[in-house]
Amino acid sequence: MAGKLCVSVIEARNVQADDFAGKNFYVKLRVGSNEVKTDVVKGSLAPKFLKDCRLAVPSPESDYLRIELLQVGPRGDLVVGSDDLRLLSITARGTIVHWFSLKTASRSVSAELCLVLRFLSAGANRPMSPTYAIAARQARERALDGSSEPQGPGRSAFRDLPAPATPTTSTSTRYANVAAAASPDSPAGPAPASAEASPALSNGGGLPGSQHYTSPAAGAVTPAQSSPPGQVAASPAAAAAPRSGPKRWPRIKGGQVPLPLAVLGGLVVGALMYMWRKRPVYYEVQEDDTLCHIASCFKKRVEDVYAKNKAILKNPNRLYPGDRLRIR
């Protein structure tokens, strides 16, 4: 069934551009004989296009979306990378945000392009939903904030785009390596045996010239440090005396946080979460939107949305694209 394809071209990254041409790029989309282009973004290897396009789709069962990233050159535009998307794979998936890997003629990835896609059937009762506009707006905000990296490519957005497997080290392998390093047969050899402690000397029963003394604090036998000839060895009392110097604060063990600091951090996080939930939320009216569908998308009553926007909406049954409605 024929329809139209809504595409929001957000941004590109990891662009392998030609060194002899300027850093000027644009995107070209084509479905059959229908073709659209974005504006040229100059002077950046991570261009942000932020362009909304619509393409007529005569036959979604057999049509493909041709995606091309081009670089403006002195003797003609150069194709940095391209990709083909079968439209049948997105007709029933609603709104999709995806990073496409654009490849050269040698099938090597030369750039990544973020698109927001939604297919609208010509015979659908609801030709437009606010979810596409919301997803496109959020993608634009991430691109402008420079936080698109955590988003990453969608692993399960399309069935014909398999997700690469990520090798991980198993827990048994890590424990096997630790056990091998600690075994007596390892190349490092077993740990050296500790020297046997000499018996403690009683008060007044020590032999002259003995090399051990009993610590008055712990009662453990400690070997006396040998002193060079002509130098008097330090007495046990002097060794046990506290060192002079700046006072050192006790160290906090790993994973332990002082209780006042933990309480203060919890209060700050709670206040930030409360302010985030109470922040105002706005929505920009798109083509074919109705107040009822906008309210249902945000799980609000129509009367509440209309009450917050009486200054803008003279007639609740008539909305104009571009109006900015307050939802919360």
C-alpha atoms as a PDB file:
ATOM      1  CA  MET A   1       0.000   0.000   0.000  1.00  0.00           C
ATOM      2  CA  ALA A   2       1.359   3.420  -0.978  1.00  0.00           C
ATOM      3  CA  GLY A   3       2.253   5.987   1.659  1.00  0.00           C
ATOM      4  CA  LYS A   4       4.914   8.485   2.643  1.00  0.00           C
ATOM      5  CA  LEU A   5       8.166   8.216   4.549  1.00  0.00           C
ATOM      6  CA  CYS A   6       9.038  10.820   7.197  1.00  0.00           C
ATOM      7  CA  VAL A   7      12.798  11.151   7.704  1.00  0.00           C
ATOM      8  CA  SER A   8      14.701  13.423  10.069  1.00  0.00           C
ATOM      9  CA  VAL A   9      18.405  13.638   9.200  1.00  0.00           C
ATOM     10  CA  ILE A  10      20.126  14.384  12.513  1.00  0.00           C
ATOM     11  CA  GLU A  11      23.940  14.157  12.307  1.00  0.00           C
ATOM     12  CA  ALA A  12      26.948  12.182  11.066  1.00  0.00           C
ATOM     13  CA  ARG A  13      30.050  10.942  12.864  1.00  0.00           C
ATOM     14  CA  ASN A  14      33.320   9.104  12.156  1.00  0.00           C
ATOM     15  CA  VAL A  15      33.424  10.657   8.681  1.00  0.00           C
ATOM     16  CA  GLN A  16      36.437   9.645   6.590  1.00  0.00           C
ATOM     17  CA  ALA A  17      36.600  12.623   4.269  1.00  0.00           C
ATOM     18  CA  ASP A  18      38.809  13.335   1.283  1.00  0.00           C
ATOM     19  CA  ASP A  19      41.842  15.398   2.308  1.00  0.00           C
ATOM     20  CA  PHE A  20      41.935  17.382  -0.932  1.00  0.00           C
ATOM     21  CA  ALA A  21      38.358  18.703  -0.554  1.00  0.00           C
ATOM     22  CA  GLY A  22      36.793  20.969   2.030  1.00  0.00           C
ATOM     23  CA  LYS A  23      34.925  19.669   5.041  1.00  0.00           C
ATOM     24  CA  ASN A  24      31.533  20.427   3.497  1.00  0.00           C
ATOM     25  CA  PHE A  25      28.895  17.693   3.524  1.00  0.00           C
ATOM     26  CA  TYR A  26      25.235  17.079   2.717  1.00  0.00           C
ATOM     27  CA  VAL A  27      22.899  14.076   2.634  1.00  0.00           C
ATOM     28  CA  LYS A  28      20.830  12.854  -0.306  1.00  0.00           C
ATOM     29  CA  LEU A  29      17.833  10.537   0.139  1.00  0.00           C
ATOM     30  CA  ARG A  30      16.060   8.795  -2.739  1.00  0.00           C
ATOM     31  CA  VAL A  31      13.033   6.496  -3.040  1.00  0.00           C
ATOM     32  CA  GLY A  32      12.457   5.519  -6.660  1.00  0.00           C
ATOM     33  CA  SER A  33      12.365   8.762  -8.614  1.00  0.00           C
ATOM     34  CA  ASN A  34      11.715  10.941  -5.540  1.00  0.00           C
ATOM     35  CA  GLU A  35      14.828  12.639  -4.192  1.00  0.00           C
ATOM     36  CA  VAL A  36      15.549  15.175  -1.441  1.00  0.00           C
ATOM     37  CA  LYS A  37      18.756  16.835  -0.219  1.00  0.00           C
ATOM     38  CA  THR A  38      19.764  18.531   2.990  1.00  0.00           C
ATOM     39  CA  ASP A  39      21.582  21.825   3.256  1.00  0.00           C
ATOM     40  CA  VAL A  40      25.382  21.808   3.049  1.00  0.00           C
ATOM     41  CA  VAL A  41      27.063  21.860   6.476  1.00  0.00           C
ATOM     42  CA  LYS A  42      30.512  23.450   6.245  1.00  0.00           C
ATOM     43  CA  GLY A  43      33.711  23.062   8.232  1.00  0.00           C
ATOM     44  CA  SER A  44      32.992  19.989  10.382  1.00  0.00           C
ATOM     45  CA  LEU A  45      33.757  16.265  10.310  1.00  0.00           C
ATOM     46  CA  ALA A  46      30.734  15.713  12.566  1.00  0.00           C
ATOM     47  CA  PRO A  47      28.084  17.669  10.643  1.00  0.00           C
ATOM     48  CA  LYS A  48      24.687  18.257  12.249  1.00  0.00           C
ATOM     49  CA  PHE A  49      22.071  18.498   9.504  1.00  0.00           C
ATOM     50  CA  LEU A  50      18.826  18.657  11.573  1.00  0.00           C
ATOM     51  CA  LYS A  51      16.669  18.400   8.460  1.00  0.00           C
ATOM     52  CA  ASP A  52      13.108  16.999   8.165  1.00  0.00           C
ATOM     53  CA  CYS A  53      12.178  15.377   4.852  1.00  0.00           C
ATOM     54  CA  ARG A  54       9.166  13.551   3.409  1.00  0.00           C
ATOM     55  CA  LEU A  55       9.260  11.154   0.492  1.00  0.00           C
ATOM     56  CA  ALA A  56       6.366   9.586  -1.379  1.00  0.00           C
ATOM     57  CA  VAL A  57       6.527   5.774  -1.401  1.00  0.00           C
ATOM     58  CA  PRO A  58       4.564   4.220  -4.287  1.00  0.00           C
ATOM     59  CA  SER A  59       5.249   0.582  -3.381  1.00  0.00           C
ATOM     60  CA  PRO A  60       6.728  -0.067   0.102  1.00  0.00           C
ATOM     61  CA  GLU A  61       6.853  -3.824  -0.578  1.00  0.00           C
ATOM     62  CA  SER A  62       9.567  -3.415  -3.216  1.00  0.00           C
ATOM     63  CA  ASP A  63      10.977   0.107  -2.788  1.00  0.00           C
ATOM     64  CA  TYR A  64      14.301   0.888  -1.134  1.00  0.00           C
ATOM     65  CA  LEU A  65      15.557   4.027   0.594  1.00  0.00           C
ATOM     66  CA  ARG A  66      18.906   5.113  -0.838  1.00  0.00           C
ATOM     67  CA  ILE A  67      21.020   7.009   1.712  1.00  0.00           C
ATOM     68  CA  GLU A  68      24.123   8.898   0.550  1.00  0.00           C
ATOM     69  CA  LEU A  69      26.546  11.199   2.355  1.00  0.00           C
ATOM     70  CA  LEU A  70      28.323  13.494  -0.113  1.00  0.00           C
ATOM     71  CA  GLN A  71      31.307  15.829   0.186  1.00  0.00           C
ATOM     72  CA  VAL A  72      31.447  18.990  -1.885  1.00  0.00           C
ATOM     73  CA  GLY A  73      34.585  18.874  -4.026  1.00  0.00           C
ATOM     74  CA  PRO A  74      36.283  21.313  -6.410  1.00  0.00           C
ATOM     75  CA  ARG A  75      35.556  19.120  -9.455  1.00  0.00           C
ATOM     76  CA  GLY A  76      32.244  17.635  -8.370  1.00  0.00           C
ATOM     77  CA  ASP A  77      30.675  16.108  -5.306  1.00  0.00           C
ATOM     78  CA  LEU A  78      32.225  12.957  -3.836  1.00  0.00           C
ATOM     79  CA  VAL A  79      30.186  10.113  -2.329  1.00  0.00           C
ATOM     80  CA  VAL A  80      31.641   9.472   1.134  1.00  0.00           C
ATOM     81  CA  GLY A  81      29.400   6.459   1.798  1.00  0.00           C
ATOM     82  CA  SER A  82      25.969   5.039   1.067  1.00  0.00           C
ATOM     83  CA  ASP A  83      23.470   2.462   2.273  1.00  0.00           C
ATOM     84  CA  ASP A  84      20.202   0.914   1.087  1.00  0.00           C
ATOM     85  CA  LEU A  85      17.254   0.258   3.391  1.00  0.00           C
ATOM     86  CA  ARG A  86      14.357  -1.976   2.421  1.00  0.00           C
ATOM     87  CA  LEU A  87      11.208  -0.063   3.356  1.00  0.00           C
ATOM     88  CA  LEU A  88       9.265  -3.242   4.049  1.00  0.00           C
ATOM     89  CA  SER A  89      11.401  -3.720   7.182  1.00  0.00           C
ATOM     90  CA  ILE A  90      10.074  -0.506   8.811  1.00  0.00           C
ATOM     91  CA  THR A  91       6.457  -0.291   7.624  1.00  0.00           C
ATOM     92  CA  ALA A  92       5.079  -1.861  10.809  1.00  0.00           C
ATOM     93  CA  ARG A  93       7.737  -0.720  13.306  1.00  0.00           C
ATOM     94  CA  GLY A  94       6.493   2.775  14.088  1.00  0.00           C
ATOM     95  CA  THR A  95       9.091   5.446  14.840  1.00  0.00           C
ATOM     96  CA  ILE A  96      12.728   4.277  14.631  1.00  0.00           C
ATOM     97  CA  VAL A  97      15.938   6.081  15.628  1.00  0.00           C
ATOM     98  CA  HIS A  98      18.979   4.384  14.105  1.00  0.00           C
ATOM     99  CA  TRP A  99      22.655   4.970  13.271  1.00  0.00           C
ATOM    100  CA  PHE A 100      23.327   3.752   9.724  1.00  0.00           C
ATOM    101  CA  SER A 101      26.809   2.585   8.728  1.00  0.00           C
ATOM    102  CA  LEU A 102      27.566   4.125   5.350  1.00  0.00           C
ATOM    103  CA  LYS A 103      29.996   2.135   3.229  1.00  0.00           C
ATOM    104  CA  THR A 104      32.184   2.804   0.230  1.00  0.00           C
ATOM    105  CA  ALA A 105      32.327   0.774  -2.974  1.00  0.00           C
ATOM    106  CA  SER A 106      34.866  -1.531  -1.289  1.00  0.00           C
ATOM    107  CA  ARG A 107      32.330  -2.229   1.526  1.00  0.00           C
ATOM    108  CA  SER A 108      34.387  -0.461   4.190  1.00  0.00           C
ATOM    109  CA  VAL A 109      32.564   1.782   6.674  1.00  0.00           C
ATOM    110  CA  SER A 110      33.368   5.416   5.962  1.00  0.00           C
ATOM    111  CA  ALA A 111      30.778   7.235   8.119  1.00  0.00           C
ATOM    112  CA  GLU A 112      27.783   6.814  10.420  1.00  0.00           C
ATOM    113  CA  LEU A 113      24.528   8.710   9.964  1.00  0.00           C
ATOM    114  CA  CYS A 114      21.690   9.113  12.489  1.00  0.00           C
ATOM    115  CA  LEU A 115      18.155   9.098  11.066  1.00  0.00           C
ATOM    116  CA  VAL A 116      14.668   9.153  12.581  1.00  0.00           C
ATOM    117  CA  LEU A 117      12.259   7.176  10.364  1.00  0.00           C
ATOM    118  CA  ARG A 118       8.508   6.615  10.286  1.00  0.00           C
ATOM    119  CA  PHE A 119       6.383   5.177   7.476  1.00  0.00           C
ATOM    120  CA  LEU A 120       2.834   6.528   7.162  1.00  0.00           C
ATOM    121  CA  SER A 121       0.350   4.463   5.215  1.00  0.00           C
ATOM    122  CA  ALA A 122      -2.017   6.297   2.902  1.00  0.00           C
ATOM    123  CA  GLY A 123      -5.028   4.328   4.175  1.00  0.00           C
ATOM    124  CA  ALA A 124      -4.271   4.648   7.904  1.00  0.00           C
ATOM    125  CA  ASN A 125      -6.911   6.246  10.114  1.00  0.00           C
ATOM    126  CA  ARG A 126      -4.223   8.150  11.978  1.00  0.00           C
ATOM    127  CA  PRO A 127      -1.775   9.572   9.398  1.00  0.00           C
ATOM    128  CA  MET A 128       0.528  11.139  12.018  1.00  0.00           C
ATOM    129  CA  SER A 129       1.447  10.495  15.635  1.00  0.00           C
ATOM    130  CA  PRO A 130       3.334  12.783  18.020  1.00  0.00           C
ATOM    131  CA  THR A 131       5.830  10.010  18.732  1.00  0.00           C
ATOM    132  CA  TYR A 132       7.763  10.783  15.523  1.00  0.00           C
ATOM    133  CA  ALA A 133       8.034  14.479  16.378  1.00  0.00           C
ATOM    134  CA  ILE A 134       9.056  13.675  19.949  1.00  0.00           C
ATOM    135  CA  ALA A 135      11.758  11.221  18.820  1.00  0.00           C
ATOM    136  CA  ALA A 136      13.081  13.692  16.231  1.00  0.00           C
ATOM    137  CA  ARG A 137      13.162  16.508  18.781  1.00  0.00           C
ATOM    138  CA  GLN A 138      15.017  14.386  21.337  1.00  0.00           C
ATOM    139  CA  ALA A 139      17.547  13.311  18.691  1.00  0.00           C
ATOM    140  CA  ARG A 140      18.141  16.966  17.765  1.00  0.00           C
ATOM    141  CA  GLU A 141      18.662  17.898  21.414  1.00  0.00           C
ATOM    142  CA  ARG A 142      21.190  15.090  21.872  1.00  0.00           C
ATOM    143  CA  ALA A 143      23.039  16.208  18.733  1.00  0.00           C
ATOM    144  CA  LEU A 144      23.159  19.837  19.854  1.00  0.00           C
ATOM    145  CA  ASP A 145      24.282  18.855  23.362  1.00  0.00           C
ATOM    146  CA  GLY A 146      27.027  16.674  21.912  1.00  0.00           C
ATOM    147  CA  SER A 147      25.767  13.576  23.826  1.00  0.00           C
ATOM    148  CA  SER A 148      24.954  11.318  20.890  1.00  0.00           C
ATOM    149  CA  GLU A 149      27.740   8.851  21.666  1.00  0.00           C
ATOM    150  CA  PRO A 150      25.938   6.923  24.435  1.00  0.00           C
ATOM    151  CA  GLN A 151      22.949   6.424  22.291  1.00  0.00           C
ATOM    152  CA  GLY A 152      24.763   4.152  19.845  1.00  0.00           C
ATOM    153  CA  PRO A 153      23.333   2.161  16.967  1.00  0.00           C
ATOM    154  CA  GLY A 154      20.149   0.250  17.659  1.00  0.00           C
ATOM    155  CA  ARG A 155      20.995  -3.452  17.829  1.00  0.00           C
ATOM    156  CA  SER A 156      17.481  -4.715  17.099  1.00  0.00           C
ATOM    157  CA  ALA A 157      16.051  -1.955  14.918  1.00  0.00           C
ATOM    158  CA  PHE A 158      16.112  -4.009  11.707  1.00  0.00           C
ATOM    159  CA  ARG A 159      16.169  -7.715  11.087  1.00  0.00           C
ATOM    160  CA  ASP A 160      18.394  -7.367   8.033  1.00  0.00           C
ATOM    161  CA  LEU A 161      21.110  -5.538  10.034  1.00  0.00           C
ATOM    162  CA  PRO A 162      22.727  -8.122  12.370  1.00  0.00           C
ATOM    163  CA  ALA A 163      24.372  -6.850  15.547  1.00  0.00           C
ATOM    164  CA  PRO A 164      28.087  -7.614  15.913  1.00  0.00           C
ATOM    165  CA  ALA A 165      29.019 -10.000  18.690  1.00  0.00           C
ATOM    166  CA  THR A 166      31.126  -8.560  21.477  1.00  0.00           C
ATOM    167  CA  PRO A 167      33.621 -11.042  22.983  1.00  0.00           C
ATOM    168  CA  THR A 168      33.764 -11.021  26.761  1.00  0.00           C
ATOM    169  CA  THR A 169      36.121 -12.708  29.182  1.00  0.00           C
ATOM    170  CA  SER A 170      34.346 -15.344  31.241  1.00  0.00           C
ATOM    171  CA  THR A 171      34.585 -15.462  34.989  1.00  0.00           C
ATOM    172  CA  SER A 172      36.028 -18.987  34.942  1.00  0.00           C
ATOM    173  CA  THR A 173      38.893 -17.829  32.696  1.00  0.00           C
ATOM    174  CA  ARG A 174      39.755 -14.981  35.042  1.00  0.00           C
ATOM    175  CA  TYR A 175      39.757 -17.271  38.072  1.00  0.00           C
ATOM    176  CA  ALA A 176      41.847 -19.838  36.171  1.00  0.00           C
ATOM    177  CA  ASN A 177      44.479 -17.169  35.460  1.00  0.00           C
ATOM    178  CA  VAL A 178      44.552 -16.147  39.118  1.00  0.00           C
ATOM    179  CA  ALA A 179      44.884 -19.768  40.264  1.00  0.00           C
ATOM    180  CA  ALA A 180      47.716 -20.419  37.801  1.00  0.00           C
ATOM    181  CA  ALA A 181      49.608 -17.370  39.034  1.00  0.00           C
ATOM    182  CA  ALA A 182      49.267 -18.501  42.664  1.00  0.00           C
ATOM    183  CA  SER A 183      50.148 -22.189  42.129  1.00  0.00           C
ATOM    184  CA  PRO A 184      53.596 -23.527  43.202  1.00  0.00           C
ATOM    185  CA  ASP A 185      54.223 -24.840  39.672  1.00  0.00           C
ATOM    186  CA  SER A 186      53.926 -21.392  38.091  1.00  0.00           C
ATOM    187  CA  PRO A 187      57.034 -19.841  36.462  1.00  0.00           C
ATOM    188  CA  ALA A 188      57.296 -17.334  39.303  1.00  0.00           C
ATOM    189  CA  GLY A 189      57.727 -20.212  41.763  1.00  0.00           C
ATOM    190  CA  PRO A 190      56.229 -20.635  45.221  1.00  0.00           C
ATOM    191  CA  ALA A 191      56.282 -17.822  47.731  1.00  0.00           C
ATOM    192  CA  PRO A 192      59.373 -17.818  49.970  1.00  0.00           C
ATOM    193  CA  ALA A 193      58.846 -19.302  53.396  1.00  0.00           C
ATOM    194  CA  SER A 194      58.957 -16.839  56.238  1.00  0.00           C
ATOM    195  CA  ALA A 195      61.845 -17.055  58.654  1.00  0.00           C
ATOM    196  CA  GLU A 196      61.137 -18.668  61.979  1.00  0.00           C
ATOM    197  CA  ALA A 197      60.915 -16.225  64.841  1.00  0.00           C
ATOM    198  CA  SER A 198      63.439 -16.550  67.624  1.00  0.00           C
ATOM    199  CA  PRO A 199      62.106 -17.217  71.116  1.00  0.00           C
ATOM    200  CA  ALA A 200      61.379 -14.147  73.174  1.00  0.00           C
ATOM    201  CA  LEU A 201      63.842 -13.125  75.830  1.00  0.00           C
ATOM    202  CA  SER A 202      62.710 -12.648  79.378  1.00  0.00           C
ATOM    203  CA  ASN A 203      63.412  -9.483  81.333  1.00  0.00           C
ATOM    204  CA  GLY A 204      67.000  -9.690  82.460  1.00  0.00           C
ATOM    205  CA  GLY A 205      67.574 -13.153  80.969  1.00  0.00           C
ATOM    206  CA  GLY A 206      68.884 -12.051  77.593  1.00  0.00           C
ATOM    207  CA  LEU A 207      72.269 -13.033  76.325  1.00  0.00           C
ATOM    208  CA  PRO A 208      74.783 -10.266  75.664  1.00  0.00           C
ATOM    209  CA  GLY A 209      75.007  -9.391  71.982  1.00  0.00           C
ATOM    210  CA  SER A 210      71.621 -10.931  71.091  1.00  0.00           C
ATOM    211  CA  GLN A 211      69.983  -9.639  67.937  1.00  0.00           C
ATOM    212  CA  HIS A 212      66.352  -9.735  69.126  1.00  0.00           C
ATOM    213  CA  TYR A 213      64.313  -7.793  71.631  1.00  0.00           C
ATOM    214  CA  THR A 214      60.733  -7.936  72.852  1.00  0.00           C
ATOM    215  CA  SER A 215      58.492  -5.026  71.859  1.00  0.00           C
ATOM    216  CA  PRO A 216      56.899  -3.523  74.954  1.00  0.00           C
ATOM    217  CA  ALA A 217      53.673  -2.666  73.072  1.00  0.00           C
ATOM    218  CA  ALA A 218      52.893  -5.842  71.179  1.00  0.00           C
ATOM    219  CA  GLY A 219      55.192  -8.374  72.850  1.00  0.00           C
ATOM    220  CA  ALA A 220      56.316  -9.699  69.461  1.00  0.00           C
ATOM    221  CA  VAL A 221      59.889 -10.542  68.623  1.00  0.00           C
ATOM    222  CA  THR A 222      61.387  -7.997  66.222  1.00  0.00           C
ATOM    223  CA  PRO A 223      64.853  -8.228  64.644  1.00  0.00           C
ATOM    224  CA  ALA A 224      67.086  -5.355  65.655  1.00  0.00           C
ATOM    225  CA  GLN A 225      68.453  -3.227  62.866  1.00  0.00           C
ATOM    226  CA  SER A 226      72.198  -3.491  62.494  1.00  0.00           C
ATOM    227  CA  SER A 227      74.070  -0.223  62.780  1.00  0.00           C
ATOM    228  CA  PRO A 228      77.289   0.686  61.038  1.00  0.00           C
ATOM    229  CA  PRO A 229      80.538   0.540  62.992  1.00  0.00           C
ATOM    230  CA  GLY A 230      81.050   3.538  65.229  1.00  0.00           C
ATOM    231  CA  GLN A 231      77.336   4.387  65.405  1.00  0.00           C
ATOM    232  CA  VAL A 232      75.134   3.664  68.406  1.00  0.00           C
ATOM    233  CA  ALA A 233      71.989   1.677  67.646  1.00  0.00           C
ATOM    234  CA  ALA A 234      68.665   3.241  68.539  1.00  0.00           C
ATOM    235  CA  SER A 235      67.046   1.972  71.690  1.00  0.00           C
ATOM    236  CA  PRO A 236      63.626   0.236  71.662  1.00  0.00           C
ATOM    237  CA  ALA A 237      62.082   3.157  73.527  1.00  0.00           C
ATOM    238  CA  ALA A 238      63.264   5.582  70.839  1.00  0.00           C
ATOM    239  CA  ALA A 239      61.956   3.310  68.092  1.00  0.00           C
ATOM    240  CA  ALA A 240      58.538   3.112  69.759  1.00  0.00           C
ATOM    241  CA  ALA A 241      58.270   6.906  70.239  1.00  0.00           C
ATOM    242  CA  PRO A 242      55.698   8.663  67.974  1.00  0.00           C
ATOM    243  CA  ARG A 243      56.997  10.518  64.960  1.00  0.00           C
ATOM    244  CA  SER A 244      56.854  14.273  64.910  1.00  0.00           C
ATOM    245  CA  GLY A 245      55.271  16.018  61.952  1.00  0.00           C
ATOM    246  CA  PRO A 246      51.857  16.961  60.491  1.00  0.00           C
ATOM    247  CA  LYS A 247      48.920  14.938  61.723  1.00  0.00           C
ATOM    248  CA  ARG A 248      47.555  12.433  59.251  1.00  0.00           C
ATOM    249  CA  TRP A 249      43.822  11.876  59.026  1.00  0.00           C
ATOM    250  CA  PRO A 250      42.645   8.271  59.119  1.00  0.00           C
ATOM    251  CA  ARG A 251      42.074   6.762  55.716  1.00  0.00           C
ATOM    252  CA  ILE A 252      38.564   5.732  54.655  1.00  0.00           C
ATOM    253  CA  LYS A 253      38.338   2.161  53.502  1.00  0.00           C
ATOM    254  CA  GLY A 254      37.138   1.473  49.973  1.00  0.00           C
ATOM    255  CA  GLY A 255      33.361   1.536  49.557  1.00  0.00           C
ATOM    256  CA  GLN A 256      32.733   3.451  52.822  1.00  0.00           C
ATOM    257  CA  VAL A 257      31.317   6.993  52.810  1.00  0.00           C
ATOM    258  CA  PRO A 258      30.833   9.118  55.956  1.00  0.00           C
ATOM    259  CA  LEU A 259      27.201   9.215  57.073  1.00  0.00           C
ATOM    260  CA  PRO A 260      26.762  13.035  56.860  1.00  0.00           C
ATOM    261  CA  LEU A 261      28.165  13.056  53.333  1.00  0.00           C
ATOM    262  CA  ALA A 262      25.875  10.194  52.285  1.00  0.00           C
ATOM    263  CA  VAL A 263      22.804  11.960  53.725  1.00  0.00           C
ATOM    264  CA  LEU A 264      23.731  15.224  51.990  1.00  0.00           C
ATOM    265  CA  GLY A 265      24.249  13.408  48.662  1.00  0.00           C
ATOM    266  CA  GLY A 266      20.864  11.713  48.994  1.00  0.00           C
ATOM    267  CA  LEU A 267      19.147  15.048  49.652  1.00  0.00           C
ATOM    268  CA  VAL A 268      20.807  16.652  46.621  1.00  0.00           C
ATOM    269  CA  VAL A 269      19.851  13.750  44.333  1.00  0.00           C
ATOM    270  CA  GLY A 270      16.271  13.790  45.630  1.00  0.00           C
ATOM    271  CA  ALA A 271      15.981  17.539  45.034  1.00  0.00           C
ATOM    272  CA  LEU A 272      17.324  17.205  41.491  1.00  0.00           C
ATOM    273  CA  MET A 273      14.913  14.377  40.709  1.00  0.00           C
ATOM    274  CA  TYR A 274      11.995  16.412  42.062  1.00  0.00           C
ATOM    275  CA  MET A 275      12.974  19.430  39.953  1.00  0.00           C
ATOM    276  CA  TRP A 276      13.355  17.198  36.878  1.00  0.00           C
ATOM    277  CA  ARG A 277       9.889  15.706  37.302  1.00  0.00           C
ATOM    278  CA  LYS A 278       8.304  19.116  37.837  1.00  0.00           C
ATOM    279  CA  ARG A 279       9.976  20.762  34.848  1.00  0.00           C
ATOM    280  CA  PRO A 280       7.660  22.155  32.136  1.00  0.00           C
ATOM    281  CA  VAL A 281       7.193  19.966  29.065  1.00  0.00           C
ATOM    282  CA  TYR A 282       6.296  21.440  25.684  1.00  0.00           C
ATOM    283  CA  TYR A 283       5.259  19.897  22.373  1.00  0.00           C
ATOM    284  CA  GLU A 284       5.402  21.433  18.907  1.00  0.00           C
ATOM    285  CA  VAL A 285       2.297  20.755  16.834  1.00  0.00           C
ATOM    286  CA  GLN A 286       2.915  18.816  13.633  1.00  0.00           C
ATOM    287  CA  GLU A 287       0.797  18.331  10.553  1.00  0.00           C
ATOM    288  CA  ASP A 288      -2.483  16.381  11.100  1.00  0.00           C
ATOM    289  CA  ASP A 289      -2.190  16.559  14.907  1.00  0.00           C
ATOM    290  CA  THR A 290      -5.300  16.816  17.073  1.00  0.00           C
ATOM    291  CA  LEU A 291      -5.592  17.865  20.687  1.00  0.00           C
ATOM    292  CA  CYS A 292      -7.091  14.497  21.625  1.00  0.00           C
ATOM    293  CA  HIS A 293      -4.211  12.495  20.179  1.00  0.00           C
ATOM    294  CA  ILE A 294      -1.596  14.782  21.734  1.00  0.00           C
ATOM    295  CA  ALA A 295      -3.205  14.447  25.157  1.00  0.00           C
ATOM    296  CA  SER A 296      -3.471  10.661  24.849  1.00  0.00           C
ATOM    297  CA  CYS A 297       0.163  10.387  23.808  1.00  0.00           C
ATOM    298  CA  PHE A 298       1.264  12.150  27.004  1.00  0.00           C
ATOM    299  CA  LYS A 299      -1.416  10.384  29.098  1.00  0.00           C
ATOM    300  CA  LYS A 300      -3.159  13.641  29.918  1.00  0.00           C
ATOM    301  CA  ARG A 301      -6.772  14.767  29.797  1.00  0.00           C
ATOM    302  CA  VAL A 302      -7.820  16.948  26.898  1.00  0.00           C
ATOM    303  CA  GLU A 303      -9.329  19.468  29.298  1.00  0.00           C
ATOM    304  CA  ASP A 304      -6.050  19.804  31.221  1.00  0.00           C
ATOM    305  CA  VAL A 305      -3.996  20.382  28.053  1.00  0.00           C
ATOM    306  CA  TYR A 306      -6.523  22.910  26.770  1.00  0.00           C
ATOM    307  CA  ALA A 307      -6.590  24.731  30.130  1.00  0.00           C
ATOM    308  CA  LYS A 308      -2.803  25.216  30.038  1.00  0.00           C
ATOM    309  CA  ASN A 309      -2.875  26.611  26.487  1.00  0.00           C
ATOM    310  CA  LYS A 310      -5.977  28.830  26.417  1.00  0.00           C
ATOM    311  CA  ALA A 311      -3.827  31.800  25.443  1.00  0.00           C
ATOM    312  CA  ILE A 312      -2.710  29.978  22.277  1.00  0.00           C
ATOM    313  CA  LEU A 313      -5.727  27.844  21.388  1.00  0.00           C
ATOM    314  CA  LYS A 314      -8.701  29.981  20.545  1.00  0.00           C
ATOM    315  CA  ASN A 315     -10.464  26.907  19.182  1.00  0.00           C
ATOM    316  CA  PRO A 316      -9.478  23.471  20.605  1.00  0.00           C
ATOM    317  CA  ASN A 317     -10.550  21.786  17.365  1.00  0.00           C
ATOM    318  CA  ARG A 318      -8.155  23.822  15.235  1.00  0.00           C
ATOM    319  CA  LEU A 319      -4.403  23.389  15.600  1.00  0.00           C
ATOM    320  CA  TYR A 320      -1.703  24.936  13.458  1.00  0.00           C
ATOM    321  CA  PRO A 321       1.682  23.313  12.725  1.00  0.00           C
ATOM    322  CA  GLY A 322       4.412  25.055  14.668  1.00  0.00           C
ATOM    323  CA  ASP A 323       2.282  25.915  17.727  1.00  0.00           C
ATOM    324  CA  ARG A 324       4.124  25.164  20.975  1.00  0.00           C
ATOM    325  CA  LEU A 325       1.769  23.627  23.506  1.00  0.00           C
ATOM    326  CA  ARG A 326       2.574  23.205  27.169  1.00  0.00           C
ATOM    327  CA  ILE A 327       1.817  19.674  28.338  1.00  0.00           C
ATOM    328  CA  ARG A 328       2.970  19.928  31.962  1.00  0.00           C
END
